[in-house]
Amino acid sequence: MSDLEKFAALKKKVATMQRNADKAQGALDRLQSELEEEFDCKTIEEAEKLLKRLVKDEKAAGKAFSKALAKFEEDWSEDLS
C-alpha cells in the first residue's frame, strides 16, 4: 500500500470519527437542553444533586407510606378480616 493510499484510508477514518463525534455532541446537546427544560438543571452536577434529593425524598415518602399503611391495618384489622 502506497503512502497516498495509506493517507486516503486514514483520512476516511478521521472523517468517520468526526461524524461520530458530531453525532454524539448533538445528542449530548439535546439531552442537556431537555434536562434544563424539564428539571431546570444547567449542569450535570446540578442534575446529580437533584437526583440525590429526589431519591432521598422517594425513600422518605415510601417509609411514611409504609408507616401509614401499618397504622391503617392496625386500626382497621378487625373490619378488614
PDB file of N, CA and C in Angstrom:
ATOM      1  N   MET A   1       0.856  -1.173   0.000  1.00  0.00           N
ATOM      2  CA  MET A   1       0.000   0.000   0.000  1.00  0.00           C
ATOM      3  C   MET A   1       0.902   1.236   0.000  1.00  0.00           C
ATOM      4  N   SER A   2       0.625   2.112  -0.911  1.00  0.00           N
ATOM      5  CA  SER A   2       1.447   3.312  -1.029  1.00  0.00           C
ATOM      6  C   SER A   2       1.098   4.321   0.056  1.00  0.00           C
ATOM      7  N   ASP A   3       1.954   5.311   0.199  1.00  0.00           N
ATOM      8  CA  ASP A   3       1.719   6.358   1.188  1.00  0.00           C
ATOM      9  C   ASP A   3       0.426   7.111   0.892  1.00  0.00           C
ATOM     10  N   LEU A   4       0.134   7.314  -0.388  1.00  0.00           N
ATOM     11  CA  LEU A   4      -1.098   8.021  -0.754  1.00  0.00           C
ATOM     12  C   LEU A   4      -2.325   7.195  -0.383  1.00  0.00           C
ATOM     13  N   GLU A   5      -2.246   5.891  -0.558  1.00  0.00           N
ATOM     14  CA  GLU A   5      -3.360   5.024  -0.198  1.00  0.00           C
ATOM     15  C   GLU A   5      -3.542   4.995   1.326  1.00  0.00           C
ATOM     16  N   LYS A   6      -2.408   4.941   2.027  1.00  0.00           N
ATOM     17  CA  LYS A   6      -2.478   4.981   3.490  1.00  0.00           C
ATOM     18  C   LYS A   6      -3.094   6.288   3.966  1.00  0.00           C
ATOM     19  N   PHE A   7      -2.687   7.390   3.334  1.00  0.00           N
ATOM     20  CA  PHE A   7      -3.214   8.704   3.684  1.00  0.00           C
ATOM     21  C   PHE A   7      -4.721   8.763   3.417  1.00  0.00           C
ATOM     22  N   ALA A   8      -5.160   8.244   2.259  1.00  0.00           N
ATOM     23  CA  ALA A   8      -6.582   8.258   1.911  1.00  0.00           C
ATOM     24  C   ALA A   8      -7.389   7.427   2.918  1.00  0.00           C
ATOM     25  N   ALA A   9      -6.869   6.262   3.302  1.00  0.00           N
ATOM     26  CA  ALA A   9      -7.563   5.416   4.269  1.00  0.00           C
ATOM     27  C   ALA A   9      -7.637   6.104   5.627  1.00  0.00           C
ATOM     28  N   LEU A  10      -6.542   6.725   6.027  1.00  0.00           N
ATOM     29  CA  LEU A  10      -6.515   7.442   7.292  1.00  0.00           C
ATOM     30  C   LEU A  10      -7.470   8.628   7.274  1.00  0.00           C
ATOM     31  N   LYS A  11      -7.501   9.336   6.165  1.00  0.00           N
ATOM     32  CA  LYS A  11      -8.393  10.484   6.021  1.00  0.00           C
ATOM     33  C   LYS A  11      -9.850  10.030   6.119  1.00  0.00           C
ATOM     34  N   LYS A  12     -10.164   8.884   5.531  1.00  0.00           N
ATOM     35  CA  LYS A  12     -11.521   8.347   5.586  1.00  0.00           C
ATOM     36  C   LYS A  12     -11.889   7.980   7.030  1.00  0.00           C
ATOM     37  N   LYS A  13     -10.955   7.363   7.760  1.00  0.00           N
ATOM     38  CA  LYS A  13     -11.199   7.003   9.156  1.00  0.00           C
ATOM     39  C   LYS A  13     -11.432   8.247  10.013  1.00  0.00           C
ATOM     40  N   VAL A  14     -10.620   9.266   9.776  1.00  0.00           N
ATOM     41  CA  VAL A  14     -10.754  10.511  10.533  1.00  0.00           C
ATOM     42  C   VAL A  14     -12.112  11.155  10.258  1.00  0.00           C
ATOM     43  N   ALA A  15     -12.542  11.143   9.000  1.00  0.00           N
ATOM     44  CA  ALA A  15     -13.839  11.726   8.648  1.00  0.00           C
ATOM     45  C   ALA A  15     -14.969  10.963   9.339  1.00  0.00           C
ATOM     46  N   THR A  16     -14.878   9.638   9.371  1.00  0.00           N
ATOM     47  CA  THR A  16     -15.889   8.825  10.041  1.00  0.00           C
ATOM     48  C   THR A  16     -15.911   9.120  11.532  1.00  0.00           C
ATOM     49  N   MET A  17     -14.739   9.203  12.130  1.00  0.00           N
ATOM     50  CA  MET A  17     -14.658   9.505  13.558  1.00  0.00           C
ATOM     51  C   MET A  17     -15.216  10.889  13.853  1.00  0.00           C
ATOM     52  N   GLN A  18     -14.985  11.853  12.980  1.00  0.00           N
ATOM     53  CA  GLN A  18     -15.501  13.205  13.175  1.00  0.00           C
ATOM     54  C   GLN A  18     -17.025  13.216  13.095  1.00  0.00           C
ATOM     55  N   ARG A  19     -17.593  12.468  12.134  1.00  0.00           N
ATOM     56  CA  ARG A  19     -19.054  12.381  12.029  1.00  0.00           C
ATOM     57  C   ARG A  19     -19.642  11.767  13.303  1.00  0.00           C
ATOM     58  N   ASN A  20     -19.005  10.713  13.800  1.00  0.00           N
ATOM     59  CA  ASN A  20     -19.480  10.080  15.033  1.00  0.00           C
ATOM     60  C   ASN A  20     -19.393  11.038  16.216  1.00  0.00           C
ATOM     61  N   ALA A  21     -18.314  11.781  16.288  1.00  0.00           N
ATOM     62  CA  ALA A  21     -18.154  12.765  17.369  1.00  0.00           C
ATOM     63  C   ALA A  21     -19.214  13.854  17.260  1.00  0.00           C
ATOM     64  N   ASP A  22     -19.499  14.297  16.039  1.00  0.00           N
ATOM     65  CA  ASP A  22     -20.533  15.316  15.829  1.00  0.00           C
ATOM     66  C   ASP A  22     -21.908  14.802  16.253  1.00  0.00           C
ATOM     67  N   LYS A  23     -22.213  13.547  15.920  1.00  0.00           N
ATOM     68  CA  LYS A  23     -23.488  12.952  16.323  1.00  0.00           C
ATOM     69  C   LYS A  23     -23.579  12.874  17.845  1.00  0.00           C
ATOM     70  N   ALA A  24     -22.517  12.441  18.475  1.00  0.00           N
ATOM     71  CA  ALA A  24     -22.502  12.332  19.935  1.00  0.00           C
ATOM     72  C   ALA A  24     -22.678  13.703  20.579  1.00  0.00           C
ATOM     73  N   GLN A  25     -22.018  14.706  20.040  1.00  0.00           N
ATOM     74  CA  GLN A  25     -22.148  16.062  20.580  1.00  0.00           C
ATOM     75  C   GLN A  25     -23.569  16.564  20.417  1.00  0.00           C
ATOM     76  N   GLY A  26     -24.178  16.293  19.260  1.00  0.00           N
ATOM     77  CA  GLY A  26     -25.565  16.697  19.033  1.00  0.00           C
ATOM     78  C   GLY A  26     -26.507  16.035  20.023  1.00  0.00           C
ATOM     79  N   ALA A  27     -26.301  14.745  20.273  1.00  0.00           N
ATOM     80  CA  ALA A  27     -27.133  14.028  21.239  1.00  0.00           C
ATOM     81  C   ALA A  27     -26.947  14.600  22.638  1.00  0.00           C
ATOM     82  N   LEU A  28     -25.707  14.872  23.005  1.00  0.00           N
ATOM     83  CA  LEU A  28     -25.423  15.466  24.314  1.00  0.00           C
ATOM     84  C   LEU A  28     -26.094  16.823  24.448  1.00  0.00           C
ATOM     85  N   ASP A  29     -25.998  17.640  23.416  1.00  0.00           N
ATOM     86  CA  ASP A  29     -26.626  18.966  23.449  1.00  0.00           C
ATOM     87  C   ASP A  29     -28.139  18.859  23.626  1.00  0.00           C
ATOM     88  N   ARG A  30     -28.762  17.919  22.897  1.00  0.00           N
ATOM     89  CA  ARG A  30     -30.215  17.733  23.026  1.00  0.00           C
ATOM     90  C   ARG A  30     -30.584  17.290  24.437  1.00  0.00           C
ATOM     91  N   LEU A  31     -29.826  16.355  24.989  1.00  0.00           N
ATOM     92  CA  LEU A  31     -30.119  15.873  26.340  1.00  0.00           C
ATOM     93  C   LEU A  31     -29.940  16.971  27.378  1.00  0.00           C
ATOM     94  N   GLN A  32     -28.915  17.789  27.207  1.00  0.00           N
ATOM     95  CA  GLN A  32     -28.706  18.884  28.160  1.00  0.00           C
ATOM     96  C   GLN A  32     -29.829  19.912  28.054  1.00  0.00           C
ATOM     97  N   SER A  33     -30.329  20.147  26.835  1.00  0.00           N
ATOM     98  CA  SER A  33     -31.460  21.067  26.667  1.00  0.00           C
ATOM     99  C   SER A  33     -32.705  20.521  27.355  1.00  0.00           C
ATOM    100  N   GLU A  34     -32.954  19.214  27.182  1.00  0.00           N
ATOM    101  CA  GLU A  34     -34.103  18.592  27.834  1.00  0.00           C
ATOM    102  C   GLU A  34     -33.969  18.657  29.353  1.00  0.00           C
ATOM    103  N   LEU A  35     -32.778  18.418  29.849  1.00  0.00           N
ATOM    104  CA  LEU A  35     -32.516  18.467  31.284  1.00  0.00           C
ATOM    105  C   LEU A  35     -32.822  19.850  31.832  1.00  0.00           C
ATOM    106  N   GLU A  36     -32.416  20.862  31.096  1.00  0.00           N
ATOM    107  CA  GLU A  36     -32.663  22.231  31.551  1.00  0.00           C
ATOM    108  C   GLU A  36     -34.148  22.578  31.470  1.00  0.00           C
ATOM    109  N   GLU A  37     -34.811  22.178  30.373  1.00  0.00           N
ATOM    110  CA  GLU A  37     -36.230  22.495  30.205  1.00  0.00           C
ATOM    111  C   GLU A  37     -37.092  21.774  31.231  1.00  0.00           C
ATOM    112  N   GLU A  38     -36.847  20.477  31.426  1.00  0.00           N
ATOM    113  CA  GLU A  38     -37.714  19.677  32.280  1.00  0.00           C
ATOM    114  C   GLU A  38     -37.406  19.818  33.768  1.00  0.00           C
ATOM    115  N   PHE A  39     -36.130  20.013  34.111  1.00  0.00           N
ATOM    116  CA  PHE A  39     -35.750  19.993  35.525  1.00  0.00           C
ATOM    117  C   PHE A  39     -35.010  21.247  35.974  1.00  0.00           C
ATOM    118  N   ASP A  40     -34.846  22.209  35.097  1.00  0.00           N
ATOM    119  CA  ASP A  40     -34.174  23.473  35.400  1.00  0.00           C
ATOM    120  C   ASP A  40     -32.743  23.243  35.915  1.00  0.00           C
ATOM    121  N   CYS A  41     -32.061  22.262  35.331  1.00  0.00           N
ATOM    122  CA  CYS A  41     -30.664  21.978  35.679  1.00  0.00           C
ATOM    123  C   CYS A  41     -29.784  22.424  34.518  1.00  0.00           C
ATOM    124  N   LYS A  42     -28.833  23.272  34.819  1.00  0.00           N
ATOM    125  CA  LYS A  42     -27.960  23.781  33.769  1.00  0.00           C
ATOM    126  C   LYS A  42     -26.687  22.957  33.609  1.00  0.00           C
ATOM    127  N   THR A  43     -26.362  22.169  34.615  1.00  0.00           N
ATOM    128  CA  THR A  43     -25.143  21.360  34.554  1.00  0.00           C
ATOM    129  C   THR A  43     -25.442  19.931  35.012  1.00  0.00           C
ATOM    130  N   ILE A  44     -24.534  19.038  34.697  1.00  0.00           N
ATOM    131  CA  ILE A  44     -24.653  17.650  35.144  1.00  0.00           C
ATOM    132  C   ILE A  44     -24.594  17.600  36.674  1.00  0.00           C
ATOM    133  N   GLU A  45     -23.762  18.435  37.269  1.00  0.00           N
ATOM    134  CA  GLU A  45     -23.647  18.466  38.724  1.00  0.00           C
ATOM    135  C   GLU A  45     -24.982  18.829  39.375  1.00  0.00           C
ATOM    136  N   GLU A  46     -25.687  19.820  38.807  1.00  0.00           N
ATOM    137  CA  GLU A  46     -26.996  20.191  39.332  1.00  0.00           C
ATOM    138  C   GLU A  46     -27.965  19.025  39.206  1.00  0.00           C
ATOM    139  N   ALA A  47     -27.909  18.326  38.084  1.00  0.00           N
ATOM    140  CA  ALA A  47     -28.790  17.176  37.861  1.00  0.00           C
ATOM    141  C   ALA A  47     -28.496  16.061  38.857  1.00  0.00           C
ATOM    142  N   GLU A  48     -27.220  15.828  39.144  1.00  0.00           N
ATOM    143  CA  GLU A  48     -26.853  14.795  40.114  1.00  0.00           C
ATOM    144  C   GLU A  48     -27.367  15.151  41.513  1.00  0.00           C
ATOM    145  N   LYS A  49     -27.255  16.417  41.890  1.00  0.00           N
ATOM    146  CA  LYS A  49     -27.769  16.861  43.192  1.00  0.00           C
ATOM    147  C   LYS A  49     -29.284  16.685  43.253  1.00  0.00           C
ATOM    148  N   LEU A  50     -29.962  17.058  42.171  1.00  0.00           N
ATOM    149  CA  LEU A  50     -31.413  16.912  42.115  1.00  0.00           C
ATOM    150  C   LEU A  50     -31.799  15.440  42.221  1.00  0.00           C
ATOM    151  N   LEU A  51     -31.097  14.584  41.517  1.00  0.00           N
ATOM    152  CA  LEU A  51     -31.377  13.152  41.561  1.00  0.00           C
ATOM    153  C   LEU A  51     -31.214  12.606  42.980  1.00  0.00           C
ATOM    154  N   LYS A  52     -30.125  12.986  43.650  1.00  0.00           N
ATOM    155  CA  LYS A  52     -29.915  12.537  45.031  1.00  0.00           C
ATOM    156  C   LYS A  52     -31.052  12.994  45.941  1.00  0.00           C
ATOM    157  N   ARG A  53     -31.481  14.246  45.766  1.00  0.00           N
ATOM    158  CA  ARG A  53     -32.570  14.766  46.589  1.00  0.00           C
ATOM    159  C   ARG A  53     -33.867  14.024  46.301  1.00  0.00           C
ATOM    160  N   LEU A  54     -34.145  13.763  45.016  1.00  0.00           N
ATOM    161  CA  LEU A  54     -35.377  13.063  44.656  1.00  0.00           C
ATOM    162  C   LEU A  54     -35.379  11.627  45.170  1.00  0.00           C
ATOM    163  N   VAL A  55     -34.228  10.967  45.117  1.00  0.00           N
ATOM    164  CA  VAL A  55     -34.127   9.600  45.643  1.00  0.00           C
ATOM    165  C   VAL A  55     -34.367   9.608  47.149  1.00  0.00           C
ATOM    166  N   LYS A  56     -33.765  10.574  47.841  1.00  0.00           N
ATOM    167  CA  LYS A  56     -33.957  10.694  49.293  1.00  0.00           C
ATOM    168  C   LYS A  56     -35.426  10.960  49.618  1.00  0.00           C
ATOM    169  N   ASP A  57     -36.056  11.866  48.860  1.00  0.00           N
ATOM    170  CA  ASP A  57     -37.474  12.182  49.075  1.00  0.00           C
ATOM    171  C   ASP A  57     -38.349  10.959  48.817  1.00  0.00           C
ATOM    172  N   GLU A  58     -38.013  10.190  47.795  1.00  0.00           N
ATOM    173  CA  GLU A  58     -38.785   8.990  47.456  1.00  0.00           C
ATOM    174  C   GLU A  58     -38.685   7.958  48.568  1.00  0.00           C
ATOM    175  N   LYS A  59     -37.498   7.786  49.120  1.00  0.00           N
ATOM    176  CA  LYS A  59     -37.322   6.840  50.234  1.00  0.00           C
ATOM    177  C   LYS A  59     -38.122   7.292  51.452  1.00  0.00           C
ATOM    178  N   ALA A  60     -38.080   8.589  51.743  1.00  0.00           N
ATOM    179  CA  ALA A  60     -38.835   9.120  52.886  1.00  0.00           C
ATOM    180  C   ALA A  60     -40.334   8.936  52.665  1.00  0.00           C
ATOM    181  N   ALA A  61     -40.801   9.175  51.455  1.00  0.00           N
ATOM    182  CA  ALA A  61     -42.220   9.002  51.157  1.00  0.00           C
ATOM    183  C   ALA A  61     -42.613   7.528  51.271  1.00  0.00           C
ATOM    184  N   GLY A  62     -41.744   6.638  50.843  1.00  0.00           N
ATOM    185  CA  GLY A  62     -42.007   5.207  50.967  1.00  0.00           C
ATOM    186  C   GLY A  62     -42.117   4.780  52.413  1.00  0.00           C
ATOM    187  N   LYS A  63     -41.232   5.290  53.256  1.00  0.00           N
ATOM    188  CA  LYS A  63     -41.274   4.971  54.692  1.00  0.00           C
ATOM    189  C   LYS A  63     -42.554   5.525  55.318  1.00  0.00           C
ATOM    190  N   ALA A  64     -42.909   6.754  54.948  1.00  0.00           N
ATOM    191  CA  ALA A  64     -44.121   7.359  55.505  1.00  0.00           C
ATOM    192  C   ALA A  64     -45.350   6.563  55.078  1.00  0.00           C
ATOM    193  N   PHE A  65     -45.369   6.122  53.820  1.00  0.00           N
ATOM    194  CA  PHE A  65     -46.493   5.329  53.338  1.00  0.00           C
ATOM    195  C   PHE A  65     -46.585   4.004  54.096  1.00  0.00           C
ATOM    196  N   SER A  66     -45.446   3.332  54.256  1.00  0.00           N
ATOM    197  CA  SER A  66     -45.432   2.057  54.976  1.00  0.00           C
ATOM    198  C   SER A  66     -45.933   2.224  56.404  1.00  0.00           C
ATOM    199  N   LYS A  67     -45.511   3.292  57.034  1.00  0.00           N
ATOM    200  CA  LYS A  67     -45.941   3.565  58.413  1.00  0.00           C
ATOM    201  C   LYS A  67     -47.444   3.833  58.460  1.00  0.00           C
ATOM    202  N   ALA A  68     -47.934   4.638  57.529  1.00  0.00           N
ATOM    203  CA  ALA A  68     -49.362   4.952  57.490  1.00  0.00           C
ATOM    204  C   ALA A  68     -50.182   3.694  57.179  1.00  0.00           C
ATOM    205  N   LEU A  69     -49.694   2.848  56.282  1.00  0.00           N
ATOM    206  CA  LEU A  69     -50.396   1.610  55.944  1.00  0.00           C
ATOM    207  C   LEU A  69     -50.451   0.682  57.154  1.00  0.00           C
ATOM    208  N   ALA A  70     -49.333   0.561  57.863  1.00  0.00           N
ATOM    209  CA  ALA A  70     -49.313  -0.286  59.058  1.00  0.00           C
ATOM    210  C   ALA A  70     -50.313   0.228  60.091  1.00  0.00           C
ATOM    211  N   LYS A  71     -50.371   1.532  60.276  1.00  0.00           N
ATOM    212  CA  LYS A  71     -51.312   2.142  61.213  1.00  0.00           C
ATOM    213  C   LYS A  71     -52.747   1.880  60.765  1.00  0.00           C
ATOM    214  N   PHE A  72     -53.013   2.036  59.489  1.00  0.00           N
ATOM    215  CA  PHE A  72     -54.348   1.783  58.949  1.00  0.00           C
ATOM    216  C   PHE A  72     -54.751   0.335  59.182  1.00  0.00           C
ATOM    217  N   GLU A  73     -53.853  -0.590  58.864  1.00  0.00           N
ATOM    218  CA  GLU A  73     -54.140  -2.012  59.043  1.00  0.00           C
ATOM    219  C   GLU A  73     -54.364  -2.347  60.516  1.00  0.00           C
ATOM    220  N   GLU A  74     -53.578  -1.706  61.385  1.00  0.00           N
ATOM    221  CA  GLU A  74     -53.753  -1.928  62.828  1.00  0.00           C
ATOM    222  C   GLU A  74     -55.117  -1.422  63.287  1.00  0.00           C
ATOM    223  N   ASP A  75     -55.473  -0.216  62.840  1.00  0.00           N
ATOM    224  CA  ASP A  75     -56.732   0.391  63.270  1.00  0.00           C
ATOM    225  C   ASP A  75     -57.956  -0.336  62.691  1.00  0.00           C
ATOM    226  N   TRP A  76     -57.842  -0.865  61.506  1.00  0.00           N
ATOM    227  CA  TRP A  76     -58.990  -1.431  60.805  1.00  0.00           C
ATOM    228  C   TRP A  76     -58.899  -2.946  60.596  1.00  0.00           C
ATOM    229  N   SER A  77     -57.965  -3.614  61.264  1.00  0.00           N
ATOM    230  CA  SER A  77     -57.754  -5.039  61.031  1.00  0.00           C
ATOM    231  C   SER A  77     -59.005  -5.875  61.288  1.00  0.00           C
ATOM    232  N   GLU A  78     -59.751  -5.543  62.301  1.00  0.00           N
ATOM    233  CA  GLU A  78     -60.983  -6.298  62.597  1.00  0.00           C
ATOM    234  C   GLU A  78     -62.013  -6.137  61.506  1.00  0.00           C
ATOM    235  N   ASP A  79     -62.150  -4.930  60.999  1.00  0.00           N
ATOM    236  CA  ASP A  79     -63.148  -4.676  59.963  1.00  0.00           C
ATOM    237  C   ASP A  79     -62.727  -5.223  58.602  1.00  0.00           C
ATOM    238  N   LEU A  80     -61.438  -5.369  58.387  1.00  0.00           N
ATOM    239  CA  LEU A  80     -60.942  -5.854  57.087  1.00  0.00           C
ATOM    240  C   LEU A  80     -60.886  -7.369  56.993  1.00  0.00           C
ATOM    241  N   SER A  81     -61.041  -8.056  58.119  1.00  0.00           N
ATOM    242  CA  SER A  81     -60.951  -9.524  58.145  1.00  0.00           C
ATOM    243  C   SER A  81     -62.160 -10.182  57.562  1.00  0.00           C
TER     244      SER A  81
END
